Protein backbone atom coordinates (compact mmCIF):
# COMPACT_ATOMS: atom_id res chain seq x y z
CA UNK A 1 0.67 -0.28 0.32
CA UNK A 2 2.70 2.64 0.86
CA UNK A 3 4.65 1.85 -2.23
CA UNK A 4 1.59 2.37 -4.61
CA UNK A 5 1.48 5.72 -2.60
CA UNK A 6 4.82 6.89 -3.40
CA UNK A 7 4.45 5.13 -6.61
CA UNK A 8 0.94 7.97 -7.53
CA UNK A 9 3.34 10.94 -5.61
CA UNK A 10 6.44 10.43 -8.32
CA UNK A 11 4.61 10.43 -11.00
CA UNK A 12 2.11 13.62 -9.90
CA UNK A 13 5.88 15.34 -9.35
CA UNK A 14 7.00 14.24 -12.44
CA UNK A 15 10.13 12.61 -11.06
CA UNK A 16 9.73 9.10 -13.04
CA UNK A 17 13.33 9.58 -14.36
CA UNK A 18 14.86 10.54 -10.83
CA UNK A 19 13.24 7.71 -9.07
CA UNK A 20 14.77 5.30 -11.99
CA UNK A 21 18.26 6.64 -12.13
CA UNK A 22 18.79 6.90 -8.07
CA UNK A 23 18.17 3.59 -8.33
CA UNK A 24 20.84 2.66 -10.37
CA UNK A 25 23.41 4.85 -9.36
CA UNK A 26 23.50 2.43 -6.44
CA UNK A 27 25.60 0.54 -8.97
CA UNK A 28 29.42 1.81 -7.17
CA UNK A 29 27.98 1.67 -3.95
CA UNK A 30 27.14 -1.59 -4.59
CA UNK A 31 30.09 -2.63 -5.95
CA UNK A 32 32.35 -1.10 -2.91
CA UNK A 33 29.90 -2.49 -0.61
CA UNK A 34 30.60 -5.82 -2.02
CA UNK A 35 34.43 -5.33 -1.98
CA UNK A 36 35.25 -3.73 0.76
CA UNK A 37 32.94 -5.98 2.38
CA UNK A 38 30.03 -3.60 4.46
CA UNK A 39 26.46 -3.47 4.53
CA UNK A 40 24.99 -3.96 0.96
CA UNK A 41 22.11 -1.37 1.79
CA UNK A 42 24.27 1.27 3.83
CA UNK A 43 26.37 1.37 0.08
CA UNK A 44 23.18 1.76 -2.00
CA UNK A 45 21.47 4.31 0.85
CA UNK A 46 25.07 5.89 1.16
CA UNK A 47 25.38 6.49 -3.13
CA UNK A 48 21.65 7.52 -3.33
CA UNK A 49 22.28 10.22 -0.60
CA UNK A 50 25.46 11.04 -3.13
CA UNK A 51 23.58 10.83 -6.28
CA UNK A 52 21.14 13.54 -4.69
CA UNK A 53 23.65 16.11 -3.63
CA UNK A 54 25.50 15.90 -6.81
CA UNK A 55 21.91 16.47 -8.77
CA UNK A 56 21.10 19.10 -6.75
CA UNK A 57 24.07 20.98 -6.70
CA UNK A 58 24.23 21.22 -11.01
CA UNK A 59 20.86 21.83 -11.01
CA UNK A 60 21.46 25.21 -8.78
CA UNK A 61 25.23 26.13 -10.02
CA UNK A 62 24.61 25.43 -13.60
CA UNK A 63 21.04 26.23 -13.90
CA UNK A 64 20.79 22.80 -16.29
CA UNK A 65 16.79 21.66 -16.34
CA UNK A 66 16.76 18.27 -13.59
CA UNK A 67 16.41 15.83 -15.96
CA UNK A 68 19.62 17.06 -17.63
CA UNK A 69 21.29 16.88 -14.49
CA UNK A 70 19.82 13.45 -12.84
CA UNK A 71 21.15 12.19 -16.07
CA UNK A 72 24.61 13.67 -15.75
CA UNK A 73 25.50 12.47 -12.68
CA UNK A 74 23.88 9.34 -13.57
CA UNK A 75 26.54 8.38 -16.04
CA UNK A 76 29.04 9.84 -13.88
CA UNK A 77 27.98 7.24 -10.89
CA UNK A 78 27.29 4.29 -13.87
CA UNK A 79 30.76 5.52 -15.22
CA UNK A 80 32.41 5.02 -11.05
CA UNK A 81 31.05 1.66 -11.57
CA UNK A 82 31.86 0.00 -14.38
CA UNK A 83 35.53 0.93 -12.98
CA UNK A 84 34.91 0.36 -9.83
CA UNK A 85 33.77 -3.36 -10.56
CA UNK A 86 36.10 -3.80 -13.33
CA UNK A 87 39.82 -2.22 -12.37
CA UNK A 88 39.83 -1.72 -8.42
CA UNK A 89 38.25 -4.44 -6.51
CA UNK A 90 37.68 -7.15 -10.25
CA UNK A 91 34.37 -8.12 -8.87
CA UNK A 92 32.28 -11.23 -10.20
CA UNK A 93 29.31 -12.73 -9.98
CA UNK A 94 28.02 -11.05 -6.56
CA UNK A 95 27.60 -7.98 -8.65
CA UNK A 96 25.06 -9.28 -10.97
CA UNK A 97 23.46 -10.05 -7.64
CA UNK A 98 23.21 -7.71 -5.46
CA UNK A 99 22.17 -5.33 -9.09
CA UNK A 100 19.11 -8.06 -9.74
CA UNK A 101 18.68 -9.31 -6.54
CA UNK A 102 16.29 -12.64 -6.32
CA UNK A 103 12.51 -12.82 -4.57
CA UNK A 104 13.35 -16.35 -3.43
CA UNK A 105 16.61 -15.22 -1.57
CA UNK A 106 14.47 -12.07 0.40
CA UNK A 107 15.21 -12.36 3.92
CA UNK A 108 13.44 -10.91 6.96
CA UNK A 109 15.71 -8.20 7.15
CA UNK A 110 14.98 -6.72 3.25
CA UNK A 111 11.36 -6.46 4.59
CA UNK A 112 12.37 -5.07 7.72
CA UNK A 113 14.16 -2.79 5.32
CA UNK A 114 12.06 -2.29 2.99
CA UNK A 115 8.95 -1.74 5.37
CA UNK A 116 10.72 0.96 7.00
CA UNK A 117 11.79 3.33 3.73
CA UNK A 118 8.03 2.70 2.48
CA UNK A 119 6.67 4.08 5.84
CA UNK A 120 9.67 7.21 5.64
CA UNK A 121 8.26 7.80 2.05
CA UNK A 122 4.78 7.55 3.03
CA UNK A 123 5.09 10.20 6.03
CA UNK A 124 6.77 12.69 3.95
CA UNK A 125 3.39 11.90 1.40
CA UNK A 126 0.79 12.39 3.98
CA UNK A 127 3.26 15.23 5.28
CA UNK A 128 3.20 17.06 1.92
CA UNK A 129 -0.11 15.42 0.76
CA UNK A 130 -2.42 18.93 0.10
CA UNK A 131 0.29 19.96 -1.98
CA UNK A 132 0.75 17.89 -4.91
CA UNK A 133 -0.37 19.17 -8.62
CA UNK A 134 0.08 18.07 -11.13
CA UNK A 135 -0.65 16.70 -14.75
CA UNK A 136 -1.98 13.56 -16.70
CA UNK A 137 -1.79 12.20 -19.90
CA UNK A 138 -3.73 10.25 -21.58
CA UNK A 139 -2.86 8.88 -24.76
CA UNK A 140 -5.68 8.68 -27.29
CA UNK A 141 -6.48 5.90 -29.46
CA UNK A 142 -9.42 4.65 -31.88
CA UNK A 143 -11.66 1.46 -31.92
CA UNK A 144 -9.84 0.31 -34.79
CA UNK A 145 -6.64 1.16 -32.76
CA UNK A 146 -5.46 2.55 -36.13
CA UNK A 147 -4.16 6.96 -35.99
CA UNK A 148 -5.97 9.62 -37.20
CA UNK A 149 -3.66 11.28 -40.32
CA UNK A 150 -5.76 13.37 -42.78
CA UNK A 151 -8.13 15.73 -43.66
CA UNK A 152 -11.12 16.72 -41.59
CA UNK A 153 -14.14 15.07 -42.53
CA UNK A 154 -17.57 17.59 -42.60
CA UNK A 155 -20.32 15.81 -41.34
CA UNK A 156 -22.89 18.41 -41.79
CA UNK A 157 -22.79 18.04 -45.10
CA UNK A 158 -24.23 15.44 -47.35
CA UNK A 159 -22.73 12.19 -47.85
CA UNK A 160 -21.84 10.08 -50.50
CA UNK A 161 -23.86 7.41 -51.21
CA UNK A 162 -20.48 5.57 -51.55
CA UNK A 163 -19.98 3.63 -48.05
CA UNK A 164 -16.77 1.84 -49.46
CA UNK A 165 -14.51 5.13 -49.59
CA UNK A 166 -13.95 7.29 -46.96
CA UNK A 167 -12.20 9.66 -49.89
CA UNK A 168 -15.18 10.80 -51.06
CA UNK A 169 -16.05 12.20 -47.62
CA UNK A 170 -16.98 15.64 -47.63
CA UNK A 171 -14.32 17.40 -46.22
CA UNK A 172 -13.68 20.33 -44.08
CA UNK A 173 -11.53 23.48 -46.30
CA UNK A 174 -7.92 24.07 -44.41
CA UNK A 175 -8.30 21.03 -41.91
CA UNK A 176 -6.13 18.36 -41.17
CA UNK A 177 -6.22 15.91 -38.66
CA UNK A 178 -3.20 13.84 -37.19
CA UNK A 179 -3.69 11.98 -33.72
CA UNK A 180 -4.93 8.85 -31.73
CA UNK A 181 -1.22 7.80 -32.26
CA UNK A 182 -1.76 5.43 -28.97
CA UNK A 183 1.79 4.56 -27.50
CA UNK A 184 3.11 3.86 -30.97
CA UNK A 185 3.57 6.90 -32.36
CA UNK A 186 7.32 7.70 -31.95
CA UNK A 187 7.26 5.15 -35.21
CA UNK A 188 3.80 5.92 -36.92
CA UNK A 189 4.14 9.86 -36.13
CA UNK A 190 6.75 11.01 -39.90
CA UNK A 191 4.73 8.71 -42.18
CA UNK A 192 1.77 10.15 -40.64
CA UNK A 193 2.97 14.14 -41.11
CA UNK A 194 4.14 13.16 -44.70
CA UNK A 195 0.75 11.92 -45.57
CA UNK A 196 -0.94 15.16 -44.30
CA UNK A 197 2.07 17.47 -45.70
CA UNK A 198 1.53 15.81 -49.17
CA UNK A 199 -2.11 16.18 -48.87
CA UNK A 200 -2.09 19.77 -47.57
CA UNK A 201 0.13 20.57 -50.26
CA UNK A 202 -1.25 19.16 -53.20
CA UNK A 203 1.86 16.60 -53.61
CA UNK A 204 1.97 13.36 -54.22
CA UNK A 205 1.26 10.74 -51.46
CA UNK A 206 3.79 8.87 -50.05
CA UNK A 207 1.64 5.17 -48.90
CA UNK A 208 -0.32 3.45 -50.94
CA UNK A 209 -4.83 4.56 -51.54
CA UNK A 210 -5.76 1.83 -49.19
CA UNK A 211 -3.06 2.37 -46.41
CA UNK A 212 -4.30 6.26 -46.25
CA UNK A 213 -7.83 5.25 -46.39
CA UNK A 214 -7.03 3.00 -43.22
CA UNK A 215 -5.91 6.45 -41.68
CA UNK A 216 -8.17 8.73 -42.91
CA UNK A 217 -9.95 10.41 -40.17
CA UNK A 218 -13.29 10.29 -42.61
CA UNK A 219 -12.91 6.28 -41.83
CA UNK A 220 -15.65 6.83 -39.45
CA UNK A 221 -18.16 8.45 -40.70
CA UNK A 222 -18.92 5.56 -43.05
CA UNK A 223 -18.72 3.12 -39.98
């Protein structure tokens, strides 16, 4: 329950990348713990504190964006961990065990430590809960899970008698749509944008007519 509350707080604060980075940055602390023989949790928490301090220092002194400062310190921590593991301690398979762990190897002390960390985080969440504000992003999708790319239909104009060709649906003058990319926008946005630009400029389309019909926003007016 506490982990769920903390996760919600992390997302609302826009700290998803930071929370991932601070765990990954514990790598050199785990290498030191394995090489010098002190508890792994001490090395991880100590490195997390160092990571937090360096990120804050860089962000304030260089007026760098939070994500940029986080990325810089994360890369430095990973580089330090690799150097320590390969050149200083010649670490073996123990580091893999410390990094990735195993559900079967979780003991009572691990559960108590995780519970204590969750309670501390939950206490801070409840203390600051009244001041939490943020944003939520929704990925818009269509019923057929395909993007909409093309000239917007004019739903108030008389419709064509043919119901098999979206390109025959009346259009709004000068209005084009490129939306509903869902979670695949990084792969489909480029080609869809070229299609919309070609239609707007009366240039040759970069895709076949069948594919353009499948992406046509007017396809829903025929269903």
